[in-house]
N, C-alpha and C. Protein backbone atom coordinates (compact mmCIF):
# COMPACT_ATOMS: atom_id res chain seq x y z
N UNK A 1 45.40 20.57 61.79
CA UNK A 1 46.44 21.13 62.56
C UNK A 1 46.90 22.16 63.08
N UNK A 2 47.44 22.23 64.68
CA UNK A 2 47.36 24.19 64.47
C UNK A 2 48.85 24.15 63.98
N UNK A 3 49.47 25.70 63.97
CA UNK A 3 50.81 26.24 63.59
C UNK A 3 51.40 26.26 64.66
N UNK A 4 52.64 25.53 65.04
CA UNK A 4 53.07 25.41 66.50
C UNK A 4 53.33 26.76 66.98
N UNK A 5 53.35 27.16 68.19
CA UNK A 5 53.88 28.52 68.88
C UNK A 5 55.16 28.87 68.47
N UNK A 6 55.44 29.51 68.75
CA UNK A 6 57.02 30.52 68.70
C UNK A 6 57.98 29.40 70.25
N UNK A 7 57.11 29.41 71.13
CA UNK A 7 58.23 28.97 72.23
C UNK A 7 58.20 26.94 71.97
N UNK A 8 57.21 26.38 71.12
CA UNK A 8 57.16 25.41 69.97
C UNK A 8 58.01 25.41 68.91
N UNK A 9 58.80 26.18 68.40
CA UNK A 9 59.80 26.75 67.41
C UNK A 9 61.07 26.52 67.66
N UNK A 10 61.06 27.19 69.21
CA UNK A 10 62.11 27.65 69.31
C UNK A 10 62.78 26.32 70.42
N UNK A 11 61.91 25.51 71.32
CA UNK A 11 62.34 24.20 71.74
C UNK A 11 62.90 23.19 70.16
N UNK A 12 61.80 23.44 69.34
CA UNK A 12 61.93 22.12 67.84
C UNK A 12 64.02 22.95 67.57
N UNK A 13 63.87 24.05 67.43
CA UNK A 13 65.57 24.84 66.93
C UNK A 13 66.28 24.18 67.71
N UNK A 14 65.92 23.80 69.12
CA UNK A 14 67.34 23.53 70.53
C UNK A 14 67.93 24.68 71.16
N UNK A 15 66.77 26.14 70.81
CA UNK A 15 67.17 26.68 71.52
C UNK A 15 66.73 27.04 72.66
N UNK A 16 67.45 28.04 73.40
CA UNK A 16 66.84 29.09 75.36
C UNK A 16 66.83 30.28 74.92
N UNK A 17 65.47 30.80 75.15
CA UNK A 17 65.15 31.74 74.66
C UNK A 17 63.92 31.95 75.39
N UNK A 18 63.34 33.06 76.05
CA UNK A 18 61.89 32.93 77.08
C UNK A 18 61.74 34.20 77.17
N UNK A 19 60.42 34.35 78.11
CA UNK A 19 60.11 35.84 78.40
C UNK A 19 61.00 36.52 78.58
N UNK A 20 62.03 36.15 79.26
CA UNK A 20 63.10 37.64 80.11
C UNK A 20 63.58 37.67 78.84
N UNK A 21 64.13 37.16 77.95
CA UNK A 21 65.08 36.98 76.73
C UNK A 21 64.53 38.15 76.24
N UNK A 22 62.94 38.32 75.72
CA UNK A 22 62.52 39.01 74.56
C UNK A 22 62.08 40.17 75.69
N UNK A 23 62.15 40.38 76.98
CA UNK A 23 62.04 41.47 77.69
C UNK A 23 63.24 42.06 77.40
N UNK A 24 64.55 41.42 77.77
CA UNK A 24 65.86 42.06 77.76
C UNK A 24 65.74 42.79 76.64
N UNK A 25 65.83 41.67 75.57
CA UNK A 25 65.77 42.39 73.68
C UNK A 25 65.48 43.79 73.59
N UNK A 26 63.74 43.98 74.54
CA UNK A 26 63.61 45.12 73.89
C UNK A 26 63.53 46.11 74.75
N UNK A 27 64.03 45.48 75.98
CA UNK A 27 64.68 47.22 76.88
C UNK A 27 65.75 46.99 76.31
N UNK A 28 66.66 46.85 75.56
CA UNK A 28 67.85 47.13 74.58
C UNK A 28 67.53 48.03 73.55
N UNK A 29 65.75 47.87 72.75
CA UNK A 29 65.86 48.74 71.97
C UNK A 29 65.60 50.68 72.54
N UNK A 30 64.61 50.17 74.05
CA UNK A 30 64.34 51.06 74.56
C UNK A 30 65.72 52.27 75.17
N UNK A 31 66.96 51.56 75.40
CA UNK A 31 67.83 52.60 75.27
C UNK A 31 68.66 52.96 74.02
N UNK A 32 68.44 52.17 73.19
CA UNK A 32 68.78 52.84 72.01
C UNK A 32 68.09 53.97 71.66
N UNK A 33 66.40 54.24 71.86
CA UNK A 33 65.83 55.22 71.52
C UNK A 33 66.20 56.11 72.61
N UNK A 34 66.75 55.86 73.72
CA UNK A 34 66.54 56.70 74.55
C UNK A 34 68.05 58.07 74.18
N UNK A 35 69.22 57.11 73.71
CA UNK A 35 70.38 57.26 73.19
C UNK A 35 70.15 57.87 71.82
N UNK A 36 69.37 57.72 70.99
CA UNK A 36 69.04 58.76 69.57
C UNK A 36 68.20 59.88 70.08
N UNK A 37 67.58 59.96 71.09
CA UNK A 37 66.91 60.73 71.81
C UNK A 37 67.98 61.71 71.86
N UNK A 38 68.41 61.21 72.86
CA UNK A 38 70.01 62.30 73.67
C UNK A 38 70.49 63.00 72.63
N UNK A 39 70.82 62.12 71.77
CA UNK A 39 71.66 62.90 70.01
C UNK A 39 71.17 63.95 69.85
N UNK A 40 69.71 63.57 69.04
CA UNK A 40 68.80 64.29 68.85
C UNK A 40 68.53 65.43 69.14
N UNK A 41 69.07 65.69 70.55
CA UNK A 41 68.01 66.84 71.13
C UNK A 41 69.34 67.87 71.48
N UNK A 42 71.07 67.07 71.66
CA UNK A 42 71.94 67.73 72.58
C UNK A 42 73.27 68.29 70.78
N UNK A 43 73.20 67.28 70.19
CA UNK A 43 73.90 67.61 68.59
C UNK A 43 73.60 69.02 68.45
N UNK A 44 72.44 69.38 67.91
CA UNK A 44 72.05 70.05 66.89
C UNK A 44 72.27 71.81 68.13
N UNK A 45 72.36 71.13 69.62
CA UNK A 45 72.27 72.59 70.62
C UNK A 45 74.13 72.79 70.58
N UNK A 46 75.27 71.60 70.38
CA UNK A 46 76.32 71.64 70.42
C UNK A 46 77.03 71.75 71.66
N UNK A 47 75.88 70.94 72.34
CA UNK A 47 76.02 70.35 73.55
C UNK A 47 77.26 69.43 73.38
N UNK A 48 78.04 69.00 74.48
CA UNK A 48 79.46 68.58 74.50
C UNK A 48 78.98 67.11 75.18
N UNK A 49 77.87 67.10 75.79
CA UNK A 49 77.50 66.06 76.47
C UNK A 49 76.82 64.82 75.11
N UNK A 50 76.60 65.57 73.96
CA UNK A 50 76.07 64.49 73.07
C UNK A 50 76.46 63.12 72.91
N UNK A 51 77.88 63.43 72.95
CA UNK A 51 78.23 61.91 73.83
C UNK A 51 77.94 61.03 74.53
N UNK A 52 76.84 61.24 75.48
CA UNK A 52 76.26 60.15 75.93
C UNK A 52 75.07 59.79 75.07
N UNK A 53 74.61 60.09 74.37
CA UNK A 53 73.61 59.69 73.43
C UNK A 53 74.02 58.46 72.58
N UNK A 54 75.49 58.53 72.49
CA UNK A 54 76.13 57.23 71.42
C UNK A 54 76.47 55.94 72.77
N UNK A 55 76.97 56.71 73.93
CA UNK A 55 77.03 55.90 74.75
C UNK A 55 75.47 55.17 75.07
N UNK A 56 74.74 56.29 75.12
CA UNK A 56 73.34 55.01 75.10
C UNK A 56 73.35 54.34 74.13
N UNK A 57 73.20 54.67 73.29
CA UNK A 57 72.67 53.79 71.81
C UNK A 57 73.76 52.90 71.83
N UNK A 58 75.05 53.00 71.88
CA UNK A 58 75.51 51.95 71.99
C UNK A 58 75.14 50.52 72.97
N UNK A 59 75.60 50.83 74.58
CA UNK A 59 74.52 50.10 75.53
C UNK A 59 73.42 49.40 74.78
N UNK A 60 72.61 50.16 74.20
CA UNK A 60 71.37 49.88 74.06
C UNK A 60 71.23 48.26 72.85
N UNK A 61 72.03 49.14 72.36
CA UNK A 61 72.54 48.37 71.08
C UNK A 61 73.36 46.47 71.30
N UNK A 62 73.76 46.81 72.09
CA UNK A 62 74.53 45.74 72.93
C UNK A 62 73.67 44.75 73.80
N UNK A 63 72.89 45.39 74.09
CA UNK A 63 71.97 44.44 75.37
C UNK A 63 71.19 43.67 74.25
N UNK A 64 70.81 44.52 73.13
CA UNK A 64 69.59 43.89 72.01
C UNK A 64 69.75 42.77 71.37
N UNK A 65 71.35 43.30 70.91
CA UNK A 65 71.94 42.41 70.28
C UNK A 65 72.48 40.87 70.63
N UNK A 66 73.04 40.88 71.95
CA UNK A 66 72.82 40.30 72.85
C UNK A 66 71.48 39.01 72.97
N UNK A 67 70.58 39.69 72.96
CA UNK A 67 69.28 38.89 73.27
C UNK A 67 68.46 38.50 71.71
N UNK A 68 69.05 38.71 70.84
CA UNK A 68 68.08 38.97 69.35
C UNK A 68 68.31 37.63 69.18
N UNK A 69 66.62 37.12 68.61
CA UNK A 69 66.41 35.55 68.46
C UNK A 69 66.05 35.96 67.30
N UNK A 70 67.19 34.88 66.36
CA UNK A 70 67.37 34.55 64.96
C UNK A 70 67.34 33.36 64.68
N UNK A 71 66.67 32.59 63.49
CA UNK A 71 66.74 31.14 63.54
C UNK A 71 68.64 31.08 62.94
N UNK A 72 68.95 32.01 61.65
CA UNK A 72 70.37 31.80 61.43
C UNK A 72 71.53 32.41 62.48
N UNK A 73 72.26 31.50 63.23
CA UNK A 73 72.98 31.58 63.98
C UNK A 73 74.06 32.64 63.44
N UNK A 74 74.45 32.13 62.27
CA UNK A 74 75.59 33.76 61.37
C UNK A 74 75.27 35.12 61.78
N UNK A 75 73.56 35.09 61.54
CA UNK A 75 72.77 36.62 61.17
C UNK A 75 73.06 36.92 62.81
N UNK A 76 73.25 35.96 63.51
CA UNK A 76 73.23 36.81 65.31
C UNK A 76 74.84 37.27 65.23
N UNK A 77 75.92 36.52 64.81
CA UNK A 77 77.19 36.18 64.57
C UNK A 77 77.44 38.13 64.55
N UNK A 78 77.32 38.12 63.11
CA UNK A 78 77.71 39.59 62.28
C UNK A 78 77.01 40.71 63.19
N UNK A 79 75.92 40.70 64.16
CA UNK A 79 75.24 41.84 64.24
C UNK A 79 75.83 41.91 65.44
N UNK A 80 76.25 40.80 66.35
CA UNK A 80 76.67 40.67 67.56
C UNK A 80 77.67 41.20 67.49
N UNK A 81 78.83 40.61 66.88
CA UNK A 81 79.90 40.58 66.47
C UNK A 81 81.10 42.39 65.93
N UNK A 82 79.63 42.99 65.23
CA UNK A 82 80.18 44.30 64.82
C UNK A 82 79.85 45.78 66.26
N UNK A 83 79.47 45.13 66.40
CA UNK A 83 78.91 45.69 67.74
C UNK A 83 79.92 45.27 68.94
N UNK A 84 80.57 44.00 69.25
CA UNK A 84 81.20 44.09 69.62
C UNK A 84 82.67 44.70 69.63
N UNK A 85 82.86 44.68 67.95
CA UNK A 85 84.68 45.49 67.74
C UNK A 85 83.88 46.96 68.05
N UNK A 86 82.80 47.26 67.43
CA UNK A 86 82.64 48.51 67.06
C UNK A 86 82.85 49.54 68.32
N UNK A 87 82.61 49.12 69.05
CA UNK A 87 82.24 49.50 71.01
C UNK A 87 83.87 49.61 71.31
N UNK A 88 84.59 48.68 71.25
CA UNK A 88 86.20 48.79 71.88
C UNK A 88 86.63 49.73 70.92
N UNK A 89 86.61 49.91 69.67
CA UNK A 89 86.94 50.56 68.19
C UNK A 89 86.79 52.06 68.83
N UNK A 90 85.67 52.30 69.05
CA UNK A 90 85.29 53.97 69.52
C UNK A 90 86.01 54.47 70.72
N UNK A 91 86.74 53.26 71.54
CA UNK A 91 87.19 53.87 73.14
C UNK A 91 88.75 53.51 72.42
N UNK A 92 89.43 53.30 71.69
CA UNK A 92 90.52 53.01 70.79
C UNK A 92 90.61 54.63 70.39
N UNK A 93 89.85 54.89 69.45
CA UNK A 93 89.69 56.16 68.96
C UNK A 93 90.00 57.26 69.88
N UNK A 94 89.35 57.18 71.07
CA UNK A 94 89.49 58.19 72.09
C UNK A 94 91.07 58.39 71.72
N UNK A 95 92.23 57.90 71.84
CA UNK A 95 93.36 57.71 72.50
C UNK A 95 94.62 57.61 71.45
N UNK A 96 93.63 57.37 70.23
CA UNK A 96 94.32 57.28 69.15
C UNK A 96 94.50 58.91 68.43
N UNK A 97 95.84 59.12 68.00
CA UNK A 97 96.29 60.05 67.31
C UNK A 97 95.90 60.74 66.90
N UNK A 98 95.43 62.44 67.26
CA UNK A 98 94.53 63.18 66.63
C UNK A 98 93.97 62.90 65.05
N UNK A 99 95.33 62.82 63.79
CA UNK A 99 94.69 63.13 62.79
C UNK A 99 93.87 62.13 62.62
N UNK A 100 93.78 61.06 63.54
CA UNK A 100 93.14 59.70 62.89
C UNK A 100 92.02 59.16 64.22
N UNK A 101 92.16 59.90 64.80
CA UNK A 101 90.89 59.76 66.29
C UNK A 101 89.58 59.60 65.52
N UNK A 102 88.95 60.57 65.21
CA UNK A 102 87.63 60.61 64.65
C UNK A 102 87.37 59.83 63.09
N UNK A 103 88.51 59.32 62.74
CA UNK A 103 88.41 58.57 61.67
C UNK A 103 88.03 56.74 62.22
N UNK A 104 88.62 56.84 63.36
CA UNK A 104 88.40 55.14 64.23
C UNK A 104 87.32 55.55 64.95
N UNK A 105 86.62 56.61 65.41
CA UNK A 105 85.87 56.95 66.23
C UNK A 105 84.16 56.59 65.38
N UNK A 106 84.50 57.61 64.16
CA UNK A 106 83.01 56.83 63.14
C UNK A 106 83.01 55.61 62.70
N UNK A 107 84.59 54.90 62.44
CA UNK A 107 84.22 53.77 62.26
C UNK A 107 83.67 52.51 62.95
N UNK A 108 84.10 52.80 64.64
CA UNK A 108 83.17 52.27 65.68
C UNK A 108 81.90 52.44 65.76
N UNK A 109 81.71 53.69 65.56
CA UNK A 109 79.62 53.90 65.29
C UNK A 109 79.22 53.28 64.54
N UNK A 110 80.04 53.26 63.05
CA UNK A 110 79.61 52.83 62.04
C UNK A 110 79.30 51.40 62.07
N UNK A 111 80.29 50.47 62.56
CA UNK A 111 80.15 48.99 63.39
C UNK A 111 79.05 48.88 64.36
N UNK A 112 78.32 49.58 65.07
CA UNK A 112 77.45 49.52 65.65
C UNK A 112 76.11 49.48 65.31
N UNK A 113 76.07 50.40 63.98
CA UNK A 113 74.90 50.55 63.39
C UNK A 113 74.73 49.67 62.20
N UNK A 114 75.72 49.16 61.76
CA UNK A 114 75.75 47.37 61.32
C UNK A 114 74.93 46.50 62.39
N UNK A 115 75.43 46.43 63.26
CA UNK A 115 74.97 45.26 64.09
C UNK A 115 73.48 46.25 64.85
N UNK A 116 73.08 47.92 64.61
CA UNK A 116 71.46 48.13 65.06
C UNK A 116 71.13 47.63 63.61
N UNK A 117 71.11 47.97 62.63
CA UNK A 117 70.60 48.09 61.18
C UNK A 117 70.32 46.63 61.09
N UNK A 118 70.97 45.67 61.46
CA UNK A 118 70.45 44.15 61.72
C UNK A 118 69.54 43.97 62.30
N UNK A 119 69.38 44.37 63.82
CA UNK A 119 68.36 44.40 64.31
C UNK A 119 66.72 45.03 63.89
N UNK A 120 66.75 46.19 63.37
CA UNK A 120 65.99 47.36 62.74
C UNK A 120 65.65 46.08 61.45
N UNK A 121 66.67 45.23 60.97
CA UNK A 121 66.12 44.81 59.57
C UNK A 121 65.20 43.62 59.98
N UNK A 122 65.72 43.03 60.81
CA UNK A 122 65.09 42.02 61.30
C UNK A 122 63.72 42.13 61.63
N UNK A 123 63.49 43.18 62.06
CA UNK A 123 61.84 43.62 62.88
C UNK A 123 61.13 43.74 61.23
N UNK A 124 61.66 44.87 60.63
CA UNK A 124 61.19 44.98 59.10
C UNK A 124 61.00 43.32 57.83
N UNK A 125 61.71 42.88 58.27
CA UNK A 125 61.81 41.45 57.55
C UNK A 125 60.55 40.39 57.99
N UNK A 126 60.20 40.22 59.19
CA UNK A 126 59.61 39.78 59.76
C UNK A 126 58.42 40.38 60.76
N UNK A 127 58.45 41.60 60.54
CA UNK A 127 57.11 41.87 60.98
C UNK A 127 56.79 43.26 60.09
N UNK A 128 57.17 43.49 59.22
CA UNK A 128 56.94 44.53 57.94
C UNK A 128 56.82 45.70 58.35
N UNK A 129 57.96 46.07 59.21
CA UNK A 129 58.12 47.10 60.07
C UNK A 129 58.56 48.10 58.99
N UNK A 130 58.03 49.20 58.02
CA UNK A 130 58.64 50.19 57.28
C UNK A 130 59.75 50.87 57.98
N UNK A 131 59.53 51.36 59.31
CA UNK A 131 60.27 52.11 60.02
C UNK A 131 62.08 51.46 59.27
N UNK A 132 62.23 49.96 59.58
CA UNK A 132 63.16 49.29 59.92
C UNK A 132 64.00 49.21 58.48
N UNK A 133 63.15 49.36 57.49
CA UNK A 133 63.60 49.29 56.36
C UNK A 133 64.05 50.95 56.24
N UNK A 134 63.87 51.79 56.68
CA UNK A 134 64.03 53.25 55.90
C UNK A 134 65.60 53.34 57.60
N UNK A 135 65.39 52.56 58.08
CA UNK A 135 66.72 52.38 59.36
C UNK A 135 67.96 52.15 58.59
N UNK A 136 67.70 50.78 57.94
CA UNK A 136 68.64 50.26 57.02
C UNK A 136 69.14 51.43 56.03
N UNK A 137 68.78 52.34 55.58
CA UNK A 137 69.25 53.54 54.92
C UNK A 137 69.82 54.03 55.15
N UNK A 138 69.08 54.88 56.43
CA UNK A 138 69.85 56.16 56.72
C UNK A 138 71.04 56.00 57.79
N UNK A 139 70.88 54.54 58.34
CA UNK A 139 72.72 54.62 59.21
C UNK A 139 73.43 54.52 58.64
N UNK A 140 73.50 54.00 57.02
CA UNK A 140 74.71 54.03 56.50
C UNK A 140 74.67 55.31 55.77
N UNK A 141 73.92 55.81 55.26
CA UNK A 141 74.03 57.40 54.50
C UNK A 141 74.81 58.30 55.78
N UNK A 142 74.66 58.24 56.98
CA UNK A 142 74.82 59.34 58.02
C UNK A 142 76.15 59.00 58.48
N UNK A 143 76.99 57.33 58.64
CA UNK A 143 78.14 57.24 58.61
C UNK A 143 78.49 57.85 57.81
N UNK A 144 78.80 56.63 56.50
CA UNK A 144 79.51 57.23 54.84
C UNK A 144 79.50 58.60 55.14
N UNK A 145 78.43 59.69 55.03
CA UNK A 145 79.30 60.81 54.61
C UNK A 145 80.09 61.33 55.66
N UNK A 146 79.88 61.42 56.97
CA UNK A 146 80.89 61.95 57.61
C UNK A 146 81.74 61.07 58.03
N UNK A 147 82.48 59.66 57.18
CA UNK A 147 83.19 59.13 57.25
C UNK A 147 84.23 59.83 55.97
N UNK A 148 83.46 60.07 54.82
CA UNK A 148 84.10 61.31 53.77
C UNK A 148 84.28 62.06 54.00
N UNK A 149 83.74 62.86 55.55
CA UNK A 149 84.76 64.14 55.76
C UNK A 149 83.82 65.18 55.01
N UNK A 150 82.22 64.77 55.26
CA UNK A 150 81.39 65.84 54.64
C UNK A 150 80.53 66.04 56.01
N UNK A 151 80.71 66.45 57.21
CA UNK A 151 79.51 66.94 58.00
C UNK A 151 79.30 67.70 58.04
N UNK A 152 77.85 67.83 58.37
CA UNK A 152 77.37 68.90 57.94
C UNK A 152 76.50 69.05 59.09
N UNK A 153 76.46 70.00 60.48
CA UNK A 153 75.71 70.08 61.26
C UNK A 153 74.55 70.15 60.73
N UNK A 154 73.91 70.66 60.11
CA UNK A 154 72.09 70.77 60.08
C UNK A 154 72.22 69.43 59.76
N UNK A 155 72.93 68.43 58.70
CA UNK A 155 72.75 67.04 58.07
C UNK A 155 72.56 66.13 58.96
N UNK A 156 73.14 66.37 59.99
CA UNK A 156 74.26 65.74 60.98
C UNK A 156 72.28 65.51 61.99
N UNK A 157 72.25 66.83 61.94
CA UNK A 157 70.84 67.27 62.75
C UNK A 157 69.94 66.58 62.62
N UNK A 158 69.73 66.98 61.17
CA UNK A 158 68.02 65.74 60.70
C UNK A 158 68.35 65.11 60.79
N UNK A 159 69.51 64.08 60.24
CA UNK A 159 69.67 62.85 60.19
C UNK A 159 69.28 61.87 61.97
N UNK A 160 69.94 62.73 62.74
CA UNK A 160 69.91 62.19 63.91
C UNK A 160 68.42 62.56 64.33
N UNK A 161 67.75 63.47 63.99
CA UNK A 161 66.28 63.63 64.25
C UNK A 161 65.27 62.59 63.78
N UNK A 162 66.06 62.29 62.49
CA UNK A 162 64.68 61.18 61.46
C UNK A 162 65.31 59.73 62.30
N UNK A 163 66.55 59.47 62.32
CA UNK A 163 66.63 58.41 63.05
C UNK A 163 65.99 58.23 64.64
N UNK A 164 65.95 58.96 65.09
CA UNK A 164 65.04 58.78 66.44
C UNK A 164 63.87 58.59 66.91
N UNK A 165 63.12 59.38 65.48
CA UNK A 165 61.45 59.13 64.86
C UNK A 165 60.92 58.00 64.47
N UNK A 166 62.20 57.83 63.58
CA UNK A 166 61.89 56.04 63.33
C UNK A 166 62.14 55.10 63.95
N UNK A 167 63.13 55.26 64.87
CA UNK A 167 63.40 54.38 65.67
C UNK A 167 62.34 54.51 66.96
N UNK A 168 61.90 55.52 67.28
CA UNK A 168 61.02 55.39 67.93
C UNK A 168 59.53 54.75 67.75
N UNK A 169 59.34 55.25 66.31
CA UNK A 169 57.90 54.53 65.89
C UNK A 169 57.94 52.60 66.00
N UNK A 170 59.50 52.42 65.25
CA UNK A 170 59.53 50.89 65.26
C UNK A 170 59.33 50.32 66.63
N UNK A 171 60.36 51.03 67.77
CA UNK A 171 59.82 50.25 69.14
C UNK A 171 58.46 50.81 69.79
N UNK A 172 57.88 51.55 69.61
CA UNK A 172 56.55 51.45 69.77
C UNK A 172 55.35 50.56 69.34
N UNK A 173 56.08 50.28 68.11
CA UNK A 173 55.09 48.88 67.62
C UNK A 173 55.79 47.47 68.30
N UNK A 174 56.69 47.32 68.73
CA UNK A 174 57.12 46.02 68.94
C UNK A 174 56.73 46.15 70.64
N UNK A 175 57.01 47.26 71.28
CA UNK A 175 56.51 47.36 72.67
C UNK A 175 55.11 46.69 72.36
N UNK A 176 54.08 47.15 71.80
CA UNK A 176 53.10 46.56 71.52
C UNK A 176 52.30 44.97 71.45
N UNK A 177 53.66 44.84 70.78
CA UNK A 177 53.50 43.20 70.85
C UNK A 177 53.64 42.46 71.82
N UNK A 178 52.53 41.45 71.55
CA UNK A 178 52.62 40.23 72.90
C UNK A 178 54.25 39.75 72.62
N UNK A 179 54.52 39.18 74.06
CA UNK A 179 56.14 38.74 74.30
C UNK A 179 56.37 37.10 73.26
N UNK A 180 57.58 37.60 72.60
CA UNK A 180 57.58 35.91 71.61
C UNK A 180 56.89 35.69 71.03
N UNK A 181 56.08 37.02 69.91
CA UNK A 181 55.50 36.97 69.07
C UNK A 181 55.99 36.39 67.31
N UNK A 182 55.51 35.62 66.89
CA UNK A 182 55.89 34.96 65.55
C UNK A 182 56.12 36.26 64.54
N UNK A 183 56.61 35.87 63.40
CA UNK A 183 56.81 36.73 62.31
C UNK A 183 55.72 36.74 61.97
N UNK A 184 54.94 37.78 61.40
CA UNK A 184 53.67 38.02 60.65
C UNK A 184 53.59 37.76 59.40
N UNK A 185 54.86 38.02 58.79
CA UNK A 185 54.86 38.51 57.36
C UNK A 185 55.03 36.75 56.19
N UNK A 186 55.02 35.80 57.28
CA UNK A 186 55.16 34.18 56.27
C UNK A 186 56.53 34.39 55.81
N UNK A 187 57.59 35.25 56.37
CA UNK A 187 58.95 35.07 55.34
C UNK A 187 59.62 34.49 55.97
N UNK A 188 59.19 33.87 57.27
CA UNK A 188 60.42 33.56 57.98
C UNK A 188 59.71 31.61 58.98
N UNK A 189 60.90 30.76 57.67
CA UNK A 189 60.39 29.40 58.03
C UNK A 189 60.66 28.80 58.86
N UNK A 190 60.14 27.52 59.67
CA UNK A 190 60.44 27.23 60.85
C UNK A 190 61.69 26.63 60.35
N UNK A 191 62.24 26.66 61.52
CA UNK A 191 63.57 26.18 61.92
C UNK A 191 63.68 24.73 62.03
N UNK A 192 64.65 24.20 61.11
CA UNK A 192 65.22 22.84 61.29
C UNK A 192 65.35 22.35 62.40
N UNK A 193 64.70 21.07 63.12
CA UNK A 193 65.25 20.30 64.25
C UNK A 193 66.63 20.23 64.71
N UNK A 194 67.17 20.72 66.01
CA UNK A 194 68.54 19.75 66.00
C UNK A 194 68.97 18.57 66.34
N UNK A 195 69.67 17.88 65.71
CA UNK A 195 69.92 16.72 66.32
C UNK A 195 71.15 15.87 66.87
N UNK A 196 70.71 15.89 68.10
CA UNK A 196 71.55 15.48 69.26
C UNK A 196 72.21 14.44 69.23
């Protein structure tokens, strides 16, 4: 007997997830790449509009996080929850007293990166994408270095460029996959059937 398709596995798990959900997830990844590209280009030029890159990255992470397919619901709750806390925290930081503003905004960006890191980690875990593992290390290094007051323009510019290139490569691989591709590394176990 052949292995069940991903659609059959999803039905067995009692989840609702179709091709349009997968397309929306991938669209969010593309928006993240566009945000990372804007940040990688505009930040080194000291262009004040580099924050557009952050906003695009936030929007892409939110879209992808909403349509992420994982078998363990708590994983999705952590990923989406960190994004849903991180975005408002960044907005609050804009109105906070100046001495706290930067730290609050960076903490919000860090939480969004936790969510984005969870997604690239899932891609690395399920499909063996090395870029995902590298981004899992790069996101926290960039955030922690800036939170600890070690902001350095050259370090950030190189980090943002590396994040863009890694994310671009990962998303390129993801877009080449057929829709609703099952895990290829045999690390994902079959979900348990829901009892109704």
